[in-house]
């Protein structure tokens, strides 16, 4: 993936969009946490279930990521895999970037 192409505009666009994408993703996570806390189970099960879930979610790209141009493609792929964004969210990006992302998912799907 090192030789994949994207434009300077892609990098700028990503930097402009990532905060909103992450906020929307974390809003969805918060709603899932509320559901978890609303379950009819013991308080301790809710507490430890939530604790475990937050610990896992904190590691996701939809929550935090390393902002660097060299990680752009990896970050986008992770965001898609996590469900933080979809392919449709990339419509404003260059064809090079969209082709790179599409190729990655085609290769992954072939290897399943």
PDB file of N, CA and C in Angstrom:
ATOM      1  N   UNK A   1       0.811  -1.198   0.000  1.00  0.00           N
ATOM      2  CA  UNK A   1       0.000   0.000   0.000  1.00  0.00           C
ATOM      3  C   UNK A   1       0.860   1.269   0.000  1.00  0.00           C
ATOM      4  N   UNK A   2       2.122   1.142   0.176  1.00  0.00           N
ATOM      5  CA  UNK A   2       2.989   2.309   0.267  1.00  0.00           C
ATOM      6  C   UNK A   2       2.955   3.191  -0.980  1.00  0.00           C
ATOM      7  N   UNK A   3       2.790   2.598  -2.164  1.00  0.00           N
ATOM      8  CA  UNK A   3       2.871   3.355  -3.396  1.00  0.00           C
ATOM      9  C   UNK A   3       1.523   3.918  -3.841  1.00  0.00           C
ATOM     10  N   UNK A   4       0.517   3.862  -3.005  1.00  0.00           N
ATOM     11  CA  UNK A   4      -0.803   4.321  -3.406  1.00  0.00           C
ATOM     12  C   UNK A   4      -0.813   5.830  -3.523  1.00  0.00           C
ATOM     13  N   UNK A   5      -1.628   6.302  -4.434  1.00  0.00           N
ATOM     14  CA  UNK A   5      -1.665   7.732  -4.739  1.00  0.00           C
ATOM     15  C   UNK A   5      -2.920   8.388  -4.174  1.00  0.00           C
ATOM     16  N   UNK A   6      -2.748   9.616  -3.777  1.00  0.00           N
ATOM     17  CA  UNK A   6      -3.857  10.494  -3.437  1.00  0.00           C
ATOM     18  C   UNK A   6      -3.335  11.912  -3.609  1.00  0.00           C
ATOM     19  N   UNK A   7      -4.255  12.860  -3.668  1.00  0.00           N
ATOM     20  CA  UNK A   7      -3.865  14.228  -3.963  1.00  0.00           C
ATOM     21  C   UNK A   7      -3.726  15.060  -2.683  1.00  0.00           C
ATOM     22  N   UNK A   8      -3.133  16.216  -2.845  1.00  0.00           N
ATOM     23  CA  UNK A   8      -3.036  17.155  -1.728  1.00  0.00           C
ATOM     24  C   UNK A   8      -4.441  17.562  -1.285  1.00  0.00           C
ATOM     25  N   UNK A   9      -5.335  17.692  -2.255  1.00  0.00           N
ATOM     26  CA  UNK A   9      -6.734  18.021  -1.954  1.00  0.00           C
ATOM     27  C   UNK A   9      -7.361  16.928  -1.075  1.00  0.00           C
ATOM     28  N   UNK A  10      -7.020  15.664  -1.345  1.00  0.00           N
ATOM     29  CA  UNK A  10      -7.533  14.564  -0.529  1.00  0.00           C
ATOM     30  C   UNK A  10      -7.108  14.726   0.926  1.00  0.00           C
ATOM     31  N   UNK A  11      -5.849  15.040   1.126  1.00  0.00           N
ATOM     32  CA  UNK A  11      -5.320  15.203   2.482  1.00  0.00           C
ATOM     33  C   UNK A  11      -6.033  16.358   3.196  1.00  0.00           C
ATOM     34  N   UNK A  12      -6.205  17.471   2.497  1.00  0.00           N
ATOM     35  CA  UNK A  12      -6.894  18.626   3.069  1.00  0.00           C
ATOM     36  C   UNK A  12      -8.345  18.287   3.379  1.00  0.00           C
ATOM     37  N   UNK A  13      -8.998  17.615   2.459  1.00  0.00           N
ATOM     38  CA  UNK A  13     -10.391  17.218   2.641  1.00  0.00           C
ATOM     39  C   UNK A  13     -10.536  16.276   3.839  1.00  0.00           C
ATOM     40  N   UNK A  14      -9.623  15.322   3.942  1.00  0.00           N
ATOM     41  CA  UNK A  14      -9.645  14.393   5.071  1.00  0.00           C
ATOM     42  C   UNK A  14      -9.504  15.146   6.390  1.00  0.00           C
ATOM     43  N   UNK A  15      -8.554  16.053   6.443  1.00  0.00           N
ATOM     44  CA  UNK A  15      -8.340  16.835   7.669  1.00  0.00           C
ATOM     45  C   UNK A  15      -9.579  17.653   8.026  1.00  0.00           C
ATOM     46  N   UNK A  16     -10.297  18.125   7.011  1.00  0.00           N
ATOM     47  CA  UNK A  16     -11.509  18.909   7.255  1.00  0.00           C
ATOM     48  C   UNK A  16     -12.688  18.043   7.706  1.00  0.00           C
ATOM     49  N   UNK A  17     -12.723  16.804   7.280  1.00  0.00           N
ATOM     50  CA  UNK A  17     -13.863  15.928   7.550  1.00  0.00           C
ATOM     51  C   UNK A  17     -13.697  15.045   8.786  1.00  0.00           C
ATOM     52  N   UNK A  18     -12.481  14.741   9.169  1.00  0.00           N
ATOM     53  CA  UNK A  18     -12.260  13.723  10.192  1.00  0.00           C
ATOM     54  C   UNK A  18     -12.925  14.057  11.528  1.00  0.00           C
ATOM     55  N   UNK A  19     -12.891  15.296  11.946  1.00  0.00           N
ATOM     56  CA  UNK A  19     -13.497  15.654  13.244  1.00  0.00           C
ATOM     57  C   UNK A  19     -14.999  15.371  13.233  1.00  0.00           C
ATOM     58  N   UNK A  20     -15.692  15.746  12.160  1.00  0.00           N
ATOM     59  CA  UNK A  20     -17.126  15.487  12.074  1.00  0.00           C
ATOM     60  C   UNK A  20     -17.412  13.991  12.009  1.00  0.00           C
ATOM     61  N   UNK A  21     -16.594  13.256  11.258  1.00  0.00           N
ATOM     62  CA  UNK A  21     -16.771  11.805  11.179  1.00  0.00           C
ATOM     63  C   UNK A  21     -16.615  11.169  12.561  1.00  0.00           C
ATOM     64  N   UNK A  22     -15.590  11.607  13.273  1.00  0.00           N
ATOM     65  CA  UNK A  22     -15.349  11.042  14.597  1.00  0.00           C
ATOM     66  C   UNK A  22     -16.450  11.437  15.583  1.00  0.00           C
ATOM     67  N   UNK A  23     -16.909  12.667  15.524  1.00  0.00           N
ATOM     68  CA  UNK A  23     -17.995  13.089  16.408  1.00  0.00           C
ATOM     69  C   UNK A  23     -19.252  12.258  16.157  1.00  0.00           C
ATOM     70  N   UNK A  24     -19.581  12.031  14.899  1.00  0.00           N
ATOM     71  CA  UNK A  24     -20.767  11.233  14.562  1.00  0.00           C
ATOM     72  C   UNK A  24     -20.596   9.795  15.043  1.00  0.00           C
ATOM     73  N   UNK A  25     -19.393   9.255  14.873  1.00  0.00           N
ATOM     74  CA  UNK A  25     -19.122   7.888  15.310  1.00  0.00           C
ATOM     75  C   UNK A  25     -19.229   7.778  16.832  1.00  0.00           C
ATOM     76  N   UNK A  26     -18.632   8.729  17.552  1.00  0.00           N
ATOM     77  CA  UNK A  26     -18.693   8.691  19.013  1.00  0.00           C
ATOM     78  C   UNK A  26     -20.111   8.930  19.520  1.00  0.00           C
ATOM     79  N   UNK A  27     -20.897   9.711  18.792  1.00  0.00           N
ATOM     80  CA  UNK A  27     -22.306   9.888  19.158  1.00  0.00           C
ATOM     81  C   UNK A  27     -23.031   8.548  19.061  1.00  0.00           C
ATOM     82  N   UNK A  28     -22.758   7.804  18.010  1.00  0.00           N
ATOM     83  CA  UNK A  28     -23.354   6.475  17.857  1.00  0.00           C
ATOM     84  C   UNK A  28     -22.899   5.539  18.980  1.00  0.00           C
ATOM     85  N   UNK A  29     -21.605   5.585  19.310  1.00  0.00           N
ATOM     86  CA  UNK A  29     -21.101   4.765  20.416  1.00  0.00           C
ATOM     87  C   UNK A  29     -21.792   5.131  21.725  1.00  0.00           C
ATOM     88  N   UNK A  30     -21.968   6.420  21.980  1.00  0.00           N
ATOM     89  CA  UNK A  30     -22.634   6.857  23.204  1.00  0.00           C
ATOM     90  C   UNK A  30     -24.056   6.300  23.297  1.00  0.00           C
ATOM     91  N   UNK A  31     -24.756   6.280  22.172  1.00  0.00           N
ATOM     92  CA  UNK A  31     -26.116   5.719  22.157  1.00  0.00           C
ATOM     93  C   UNK A  31     -26.077   4.216  22.443  1.00  0.00           C
ATOM     94  N   UNK A  32     -25.067   3.546  21.927  1.00  0.00           N
ATOM     95  CA  UNK A  32     -24.917   2.110  22.221  1.00  0.00           C
ATOM     96  C   UNK A  32     -24.603   1.891  23.699  1.00  0.00           C
ATOM     97  N   UNK A  33     -23.818   2.786  24.295  1.00  0.00           N
ATOM     98  CA  UNK A  33     -23.512   2.679  25.720  1.00  0.00           C
ATOM     99  C   UNK A  33     -24.783   2.872  26.555  1.00  0.00           C
ATOM    100  N   UNK A  34     -25.627   3.802  26.135  1.00  0.00           N
ATOM    101  CA  UNK A  34     -26.890   4.028  26.851  1.00  0.00           C
ATOM    102  C   UNK A  34     -27.745   2.773  26.798  1.00  0.00           C
ATOM    103  N   UNK A  35     -27.795   2.144  25.621  1.00  0.00           N
ATOM    104  CA  UNK A  35     -28.543   0.888  25.499  1.00  0.00           C
ATOM    105  C   UNK A  35     -27.971  -0.178  26.437  1.00  0.00           C
ATOM    106  N   UNK A  36     -26.647  -0.261  26.468  1.00  0.00           N
ATOM    107  CA  UNK A  36     -26.000  -1.237  27.341  1.00  0.00           C
ATOM    108  C   UNK A  36     -26.368  -0.972  28.805  1.00  0.00           C
ATOM    109  N   UNK A  37     -26.354   0.296  29.200  1.00  0.00           N
ATOM    110  CA  UNK A  37     -26.679   0.653  30.579  1.00  0.00           C
ATOM    111  C   UNK A  37     -28.169   0.498  30.891  1.00  0.00           C
ATOM    112  N   UNK A  38     -28.998   0.445  29.870  1.00  0.00           N
ATOM    113  CA  UNK A  38     -30.442   0.308  30.060  1.00  0.00           C
ATOM    114  C   UNK A  38     -30.896  -1.142  30.110  1.00  0.00           C
ATOM    115  N   UNK A  39     -29.990  -2.068  29.880  1.00  0.00           N
ATOM    116  CA  UNK A  39     -30.348  -3.486  29.898  1.00  0.00           C
ATOM    117  C   UNK A  39     -30.799  -3.903  31.298  1.00  0.00           C
ATOM    118  N   UNK A  40     -31.615  -4.938  31.342  1.00  0.00           N
ATOM    119  CA  UNK A  40     -32.123  -5.445  32.606  1.00  0.00           C
ATOM    120  C   UNK A  40     -31.156  -6.488  33.164  1.00  0.00           C
ATOM    121  N   UNK A  41     -30.004  -6.010  33.633  1.00  0.00           N
ATOM    122  CA  UNK A  41     -28.988  -6.886  34.209  1.00  0.00           C
ATOM    123  C   UNK A  41     -28.467  -6.249  35.500  1.00  0.00           C
ATOM    124  N   UNK A  42     -27.614  -6.949  36.154  1.00  0.00           N
ATOM    125  CA  UNK A  42     -27.021  -6.446  37.389  1.00  0.00           C
ATOM    126  C   UNK A  42     -26.201  -5.187  37.115  1.00  0.00           C
ATOM    127  N   UNK A  43     -26.200  -4.256  38.054  1.00  0.00           N
ATOM    128  CA  UNK A  43     -25.378  -3.051  37.894  1.00  0.00           C
ATOM    129  C   UNK A  43     -23.907  -3.367  37.637  1.00  0.00           C
ATOM    130  N   UNK A  44     -23.386  -4.387  38.298  1.00  0.00           N
ATOM    131  CA  UNK A  44     -21.973  -4.730  38.106  1.00  0.00           C
ATOM    132  C   UNK A  44     -21.729  -5.222  36.674  1.00  0.00           C
ATOM    133  N   UNK A  45     -22.675  -5.970  36.100  1.00  0.00           N
ATOM    134  CA  UNK A  45     -22.526  -6.440  34.725  1.00  0.00           C
ATOM    135  C   UNK A  45     -22.547  -5.268  33.746  1.00  0.00           C
ATOM    136  N   UNK A  46     -23.426  -4.305  34.012  1.00  0.00           N
ATOM    137  CA  UNK A  46     -23.474  -3.103  33.171  1.00  0.00           C
ATOM    138  C   UNK A  46     -22.147  -2.345  33.255  1.00  0.00           C
ATOM    139  N   UNK A  47     -21.682  -2.159  34.495  1.00  0.00           N
ATOM    140  CA  UNK A  47     -20.443  -1.410  34.710  1.00  0.00           C
ATOM    141  C   UNK A  47     -19.275  -2.058  33.986  1.00  0.00           C
ATOM    142  N   UNK A  48     -19.077  -3.353  34.220  1.00  0.00           N
ATOM    143  CA  UNK A  48     -17.916  -4.017  33.634  1.00  0.00           C
ATOM    144  C   UNK A  48     -18.075  -4.204  32.129  1.00  0.00           C
ATOM    145  N   UNK A  49     -19.296  -4.381  31.668  1.00  0.00           N
ATOM    146  CA  UNK A  49     -19.535  -4.456  30.227  1.00  0.00           C
ATOM    147  C   UNK A  49     -19.200  -3.145  29.539  1.00  0.00           C
ATOM    148  N   UNK A  50     -19.638  -2.051  30.171  1.00  0.00           N
ATOM    149  CA  UNK A  50     -19.339  -0.725  29.625  1.00  0.00           C
ATOM    150  C   UNK A  50     -17.842  -0.445  29.668  1.00  0.00           C
ATOM    151  N   UNK A  51     -17.213  -0.789  30.763  1.00  0.00           N
ATOM    152  CA  UNK A  51     -15.775  -0.567  30.904  1.00  0.00           C
ATOM    153  C   UNK A  51     -14.999  -1.287  29.803  1.00  0.00           C
ATOM    154  N   UNK A  52     -15.351  -2.542  29.590  1.00  0.00           N
ATOM    155  CA  UNK A  52     -14.684  -3.328  28.554  1.00  0.00           C
ATOM    156  C   UNK A  52     -14.924  -2.713  27.174  1.00  0.00           C
ATOM    157  N   UNK A  53     -16.146  -2.331  26.915  1.00  0.00           N
ATOM    158  CA  UNK A  53     -16.507  -1.772  25.624  1.00  0.00           C
ATOM    159  C   UNK A  53     -15.760  -0.469  25.346  1.00  0.00           C
ATOM    160  N   UNK A  54     -15.700   0.419  26.339  1.00  0.00           N
ATOM    161  CA  UNK A  54     -14.993   1.693  26.161  1.00  0.00           C
ATOM    162  C   UNK A  54     -13.506   1.444  25.940  1.00  0.00           C
ATOM    163  N   UNK A  55     -12.946   0.511  26.673  1.00  0.00           N
ATOM    164  CA  UNK A  55     -11.522   0.185  26.504  1.00  0.00           C
ATOM    165  C   UNK A  55     -11.237  -0.243  25.058  1.00  0.00           C
ATOM    166  N   UNK A  56     -12.105  -1.062  24.484  1.00  0.00           N
ATOM    167  CA  UNK A  56     -11.947  -1.510  23.094  1.00  0.00           C
ATOM    168  C   UNK A  56     -12.179  -0.358  22.118  1.00  0.00           C
ATOM    169  N   UNK A  57     -13.232   0.423  22.348  1.00  0.00           N
ATOM    170  CA  UNK A  57     -13.592   1.493  21.422  1.00  0.00           C
ATOM    171  C   UNK A  57     -12.559   2.617  21.381  1.00  0.00           C
ATOM    172  N   UNK A  58     -11.879   2.861  22.499  1.00  0.00           N
ATOM    173  CA  UNK A  58     -10.873   3.929  22.536  1.00  0.00           C
ATOM    174  C   UNK A  58      -9.740   3.697  21.545  1.00  0.00           C
ATOM    175  N   UNK A  59      -9.529   2.447  21.147  1.00  0.00           N
ATOM    176  CA  UNK A  59      -8.441   2.105  20.232  1.00  0.00           C
ATOM    177  C   UNK A  59      -8.825   2.276  18.769  1.00  0.00           C
ATOM    178  N   UNK A  60     -10.089   2.523  18.501  1.00  0.00           N
ATOM    179  CA  UNK A  60     -10.571   2.577  17.122  1.00  0.00           C
ATOM    180  C   UNK A  60     -10.252   3.915  16.471  1.00  0.00           C
ATOM    181  N   UNK A  61     -10.052   3.864  15.177  1.00  0.00           N
ATOM    182  CA  UNK A  61      -9.743   5.051  14.387  1.00  0.00           C
ATOM    183  C   UNK A  61     -10.883   6.059  14.431  1.00  0.00           C
ATOM    184  N   UNK A  62     -12.109   5.561  14.580  1.00  0.00           N
ATOM    185  CA  UNK A  62     -13.255   6.454  14.684  1.00  0.00           C
ATOM    186  C   UNK A  62     -13.245   7.295  15.945  1.00  0.00           C
ATOM    187  N   UNK A  63     -12.394   6.943  16.900  1.00  0.00           N
ATOM    188  CA  UNK A  63     -12.280   7.672  18.158  1.00  0.00           C
ATOM    189  C   UNK A  63     -10.986   8.494  18.186  1.00  0.00           C
ATOM    190  N   UNK A  64      -9.878   7.871  17.823  1.00  0.00           N
ATOM    191  CA  UNK A  64      -8.609   8.589  17.771  1.00  0.00           C
ATOM    192  C   UNK A  64      -7.714   7.974  16.708  1.00  0.00           C
ATOM    193  N   UNK A  65      -6.893   8.806  16.109  1.00  0.00           N
ATOM    194  CA  UNK A  65      -5.992   8.322  15.069  1.00  0.00           C
ATOM    195  C   UNK A  65      -4.748   9.180  15.001  1.00  0.00           C
ATOM    196  N   UNK A  66      -3.757   8.649  14.331  1.00  0.00           N
ATOM    197  CA  UNK A  66      -2.530   9.410  14.100  1.00  0.00           C
ATOM    198  C   UNK A  66      -2.698  10.168  12.798  1.00  0.00           C
ATOM    199  N   UNK A  67      -2.703  11.486  12.903  1.00  0.00           N
ATOM    200  CA  UNK A  67      -2.881  12.326  11.714  1.00  0.00           C
ATOM    201  C   UNK A  67      -1.549  12.481  10.999  1.00  0.00           C
ATOM    202  N   UNK A  68      -1.375  11.709   9.951  1.00  0.00           N
ATOM    203  CA  UNK A  68      -0.205  11.872   9.095  1.00  0.00           C
ATOM    204  C   UNK A  68      -0.594  11.473   7.689  1.00  0.00           C
ATOM    205  N   UNK A  69       0.029  12.133   6.739  1.00  0.00           N
ATOM    206  CA  UNK A  69      -0.271  11.827   5.331  1.00  0.00           C
ATOM    207  C   UNK A  69       0.018  10.364   5.021  1.00  0.00           C
ATOM    208  N   UNK A  70       1.073   9.837   5.613  1.00  0.00           N
ATOM    209  CA  UNK A  70       1.448   8.455   5.319  1.00  0.00           C
ATOM    210  C   UNK A  70       0.406   7.452   5.825  1.00  0.00           C
ATOM    211  N   UNK A  71      -0.443   7.859   6.764  1.00  0.00           N
ATOM    212  CA  UNK A  71      -1.489   6.976   7.289  1.00  0.00           C
ATOM    213  C   UNK A  71      -2.862   7.226   6.672  1.00  0.00           C
ATOM    214  N   UNK A  72      -2.944   8.142   5.724  1.00  0.00           N
ATOM    215  CA  UNK A  72      -4.246   8.524   5.178  1.00  0.00           C
ATOM    216  C   UNK A  72      -5.056   7.329   4.689  1.00  0.00           C
ATOM    217  N   UNK A  73      -4.483   6.520   3.824  1.00  0.00           N
ATOM    218  CA  UNK A  73      -5.205   5.373   3.260  1.00  0.00           C
ATOM    219  C   UNK A  73      -5.564   4.378   4.362  1.00  0.00           C
ATOM    220  N   UNK A  74      -4.617   4.077   5.236  1.00  0.00           N
ATOM    221  CA  UNK A  74      -4.876   3.147   6.341  1.00  0.00           C
ATOM    222  C   UNK A  74      -6.009   3.662   7.237  1.00  0.00           C
ATOM    223  N   UNK A  75      -5.991   4.955   7.528  1.00  0.00           N
ATOM    224  CA  UNK A  75      -7.029   5.532   8.372  1.00  0.00           C
ATOM    225  C   UNK A  75      -8.399   5.429   7.717  1.00  0.00           C
ATOM    226  N   UNK A  76      -8.477   5.711   6.437  1.00  0.00           N
ATOM    227  CA  UNK A  76      -9.759   5.630   5.737  1.00  0.00           C
ATOM    228  C   UNK A  76     -10.264   4.189   5.722  1.00  0.00           C
ATOM    229  N   UNK A  77      -9.388   3.256   5.448  1.00  0.00           N
ATOM    230  CA  UNK A  77      -9.780   1.841   5.449  1.00  0.00           C
ATOM    231  C   UNK A  77     -10.287   1.428   6.832  1.00  0.00           C
ATOM    232  N   UNK A  78      -9.592   1.852   7.874  1.00  0.00           N
ATOM    233  CA  UNK A  78     -10.025   1.534   9.244  1.00  0.00           C
ATOM    234  C   UNK A  78     -11.375   2.159   9.556  1.00  0.00           C
ATOM    235  N   UNK A  79     -11.561   3.400   9.159  1.00  0.00           N
ATOM    236  CA  UNK A  79     -12.839   4.067   9.405  1.00  0.00           C
ATOM    237  C   UNK A  79     -13.989   3.327   8.731  1.00  0.00           C
ATOM    238  N   UNK A  80     -13.754   2.849   7.517  1.00  0.00           N
ATOM    239  CA  UNK A  80     -14.781   2.092   6.800  1.00  0.00           C
ATOM    240  C   UNK A  80     -15.023   0.754   7.493  1.00  0.00           C
ATOM    241  N   UNK A  81     -13.949   0.060   7.834  1.00  0.00           N
ATOM    242  CA  UNK A  81     -14.088  -1.245   8.503  1.00  0.00           C
ATOM    243  C   UNK A  81     -14.831  -1.139   9.833  1.00  0.00           C
ATOM    244  N   UNK A  82     -14.631  -0.047  10.542  1.00  0.00           N
ATOM    245  CA  UNK A  82     -15.281   0.156  11.837  1.00  0.00           C
ATOM    246  C   UNK A  82     -16.724   0.623  11.693  1.00  0.00           C
ATOM    247  N   UNK A  83     -17.086   1.047  10.493  1.00  0.00           N
ATOM    248  CA  UNK A  83     -18.432   1.579  10.273  1.00  0.00           C
ATOM    249  C   UNK A  83     -18.559   3.043  10.631  1.00  0.00           C
ATOM    250  N   UNK A  84     -17.436   3.717  10.849  1.00  0.00           N
ATOM    251  CA  UNK A  84     -17.466   5.141  11.171  1.00  0.00           C
ATOM    252  C   UNK A  84     -17.840   5.964   9.942  1.00  0.00           C
ATOM    253  N   UNK A  85     -17.433   5.493   8.764  1.00  0.00           N
ATOM    254  CA  UNK A  85     -17.815   6.113   7.496  1.00  0.00           C
ATOM    255  C   UNK A  85     -18.122   4.990   6.506  1.00  0.00           C
ATOM    256  N   UNK A  86     -18.628   5.383   5.355  1.00  0.00           N
ATOM    257  CA  UNK A  86     -18.890   4.423   4.285  1.00  0.00           C
ATOM    258  C   UNK A  86     -18.168   4.888   3.015  1.00  0.00           C
ATOM    259  N   UNK A  87     -18.155   4.042   2.038  1.00  0.00           N
ATOM    260  CA  UNK A  87     -17.544   4.396   0.743  1.00  0.00           C
ATOM    261  C   UNK A  87     -18.199   5.665   0.192  1.00  0.00           C
ATOM    262  N   UNK A  88     -19.499   5.805   0.411  1.00  0.00           N
ATOM    263  CA  UNK A  88     -20.227   6.974  -0.085  1.00  0.00           C
ATOM    264  C   UNK A  88     -19.697   8.278   0.492  1.00  0.00           C
ATOM    265  N   UNK A  89     -19.105   8.214   1.682  1.00  0.00           N
ATOM    266  CA  UNK A  89     -18.537   9.418   2.303  1.00  0.00           C
ATOM    267  C   UNK A  89     -17.295   9.926   1.574  1.00  0.00           C
ATOM    268  N   UNK A  90     -16.809   9.146   0.642  1.00  0.00           N
ATOM    269  CA  UNK A  90     -15.587   9.521  -0.084  1.00  0.00           C
ATOM    270  C   UNK A  90     -15.871  10.171  -1.437  1.00  0.00           C
ATOM    271  N   UNK A  91     -17.115  10.490  -1.705  1.00  0.00           N
ATOM    272  CA  UNK A  91     -17.471  10.974  -3.044  1.00  0.00           C
ATOM    273  C   UNK A  91     -16.726  12.233  -3.469  1.00  0.00           C
ATOM    274  N   UNK A  92     -16.338  13.087  -2.534  1.00  0.00           N
ATOM    275  CA  UNK A  92     -15.628  14.321  -2.875  1.00  0.00           C
ATOM    276  C   UNK A  92     -14.129  14.104  -3.100  1.00  0.00           C
ATOM    277  N   UNK A  93     -13.641  12.930  -2.761  1.00  0.00           N
ATOM    278  CA  UNK A  93     -12.216  12.649  -2.876  1.00  0.00           C
ATOM    279  C   UNK A  93     -11.846  12.308  -4.316  1.00  0.00           C
ATOM    280  N   UNK A  94     -10.563  12.308  -4.593  1.00  0.00           N
ATOM    281  CA  UNK A  94     -10.068  12.049  -5.951  1.00  0.00           C
ATOM    282  C   UNK A  94     -10.354  10.617  -6.382  1.00  0.00           C
ATOM    283  N   UNK A  95     -10.363  10.435  -7.685  1.00  0.00           N
ATOM    284  CA  UNK A  95     -10.549   9.090  -8.233  1.00  0.00           C
ATOM    285  C   UNK A  95      -9.400   8.180  -7.818  1.00  0.00           C
ATOM    286  N   UNK A  96      -8.187   8.721  -7.708  1.00  0.00           N
ATOM    287  CA  UNK A  96      -7.037   7.911  -7.294  1.00  0.00           C
ATOM    288  C   UNK A  96      -7.262   7.319  -5.908  1.00  0.00           C
ATOM    289  N   UNK A  97      -7.711   8.157  -5.003  1.00  0.00           N
ATOM    290  CA  UNK A  97      -7.943   7.678  -3.643  1.00  0.00           C
ATOM    291  C   UNK A  97      -9.079   6.656  -3.626  1.00  0.00           C
ATOM    292  N   UNK A  98     -10.163   6.963  -4.291  1.00  0.00           N
ATOM    293  CA  UNK A  98     -11.307   6.032  -4.316  1.00  0.00           C
ATOM    294  C   UNK A  98     -10.919   4.709  -4.968  1.00  0.00           C
ATOM    295  N   UNK A  99     -10.111   4.758  -6.017  1.00  0.00           N
ATOM    296  CA  UNK A  99      -9.656   3.525  -6.661  1.00  0.00           C
ATOM    297  C   UNK A  99      -8.773   2.708  -5.724  1.00  0.00           C
ATOM    298  N   UNK A 100      -7.914   3.378  -4.988  1.00  0.00           N
ATOM    299  CA  UNK A 100      -7.036   2.691  -4.034  1.00  0.00           C
ATOM    300  C   UNK A 100      -7.861   1.979  -2.964  1.00  0.00           C
ATOM    301  N   UNK A 101      -8.842   2.673  -2.426  1.00  0.00           N
ATOM    302  CA  UNK A 101      -9.703   2.093  -1.393  1.00  0.00           C
ATOM    303  C   UNK A 101     -10.503   0.927  -1.979  1.00  0.00           C
ATOM    304  N   UNK A 102     -11.077   1.116  -3.150  1.00  0.00           N
ATOM    305  CA  UNK A 102     -11.865   0.055  -3.797  1.00  0.00           C
ATOM    306  C   UNK A 102     -11.018  -1.172  -4.077  1.00  0.00           C
ATOM    307  N   UNK A 103      -9.803  -0.960  -4.554  1.00  0.00           N
ATOM    308  CA  UNK A 103      -8.899  -2.070  -4.848  1.00  0.00           C
ATOM    309  C   UNK A 103      -8.594  -2.856  -3.576  1.00  0.00           C
ATOM    310  N   UNK A 104      -8.345  -2.149  -2.490  1.00  0.00           N
ATOM    311  CA  UNK A 104      -8.067  -2.819  -1.218  1.00  0.00           C
ATOM    312  C   UNK A 104      -9.226  -3.736  -0.835  1.00  0.00           C
ATOM    313  N   UNK A 105     -10.446  -3.223  -0.898  1.00  0.00           N
ATOM    314  CA  UNK A 105     -11.606  -4.030  -0.495  1.00  0.00           C
ATOM    315  C   UNK A 105     -11.872  -5.174  -1.477  1.00  0.00           C
ATOM    316  N   UNK A 106     -11.591  -4.971  -2.765  1.00  0.00           N
ATOM    317  CA  UNK A 106     -11.737  -6.055  -3.732  1.00  0.00           C
ATOM    318  C   UNK A 106     -10.781  -7.199  -3.404  1.00  0.00           C
ATOM    319  N   UNK A 107      -9.534  -6.844  -3.097  1.00  0.00           N
ATOM    320  CA  UNK A 107      -8.522  -7.854  -2.757  1.00  0.00           C
ATOM    321  C   UNK A 107      -8.934  -8.579  -1.476  1.00  0.00           C
ATOM    322  N   UNK A 108      -9.395  -7.834  -0.484  1.00  0.00           N
ATOM    323  CA  UNK A 108      -9.823  -8.458   0.784  1.00  0.00           C
ATOM    324  C   UNK A 108     -10.985  -9.414   0.552  1.00  0.00           C
ATOM    325  N   UNK A 109     -11.943  -8.999  -0.254  1.00  0.00           N
ATOM    326  CA  UNK A 109     -13.113  -9.839  -0.505  1.00  0.00           C
ATOM    327  C   UNK A 109     -12.738 -11.108  -1.283  1.00  0.00           C
ATOM    328  N   UNK A 110     -11.764 -10.995  -2.160  1.00  0.00           N
ATOM    329  CA  UNK A 110     -11.308 -12.181  -2.912  1.00  0.00           C
ATOM    330  C   UNK A 110     -10.636 -13.184  -1.992  1.00  0.00           C
ATOM    331  N   UNK A 111      -9.956 -12.683  -0.971  1.00  0.00           N
ATOM    332  CA  UNK A 111      -9.205 -13.547  -0.054  1.00  0.00           C
ATOM    333  C   UNK A 111     -10.066 -14.147   1.049  1.00  0.00           C
ATOM    334  N   UNK A 112     -11.354 -13.850   1.059  1.00  0.00           N
ATOM    335  CA  UNK A 112     -12.231 -14.410   2.104  1.00  0.00           C
ATOM    336  C   UNK A 112     -12.690 -15.791   1.752  1.00  0.00           C
TER     337      UNK A 112
END
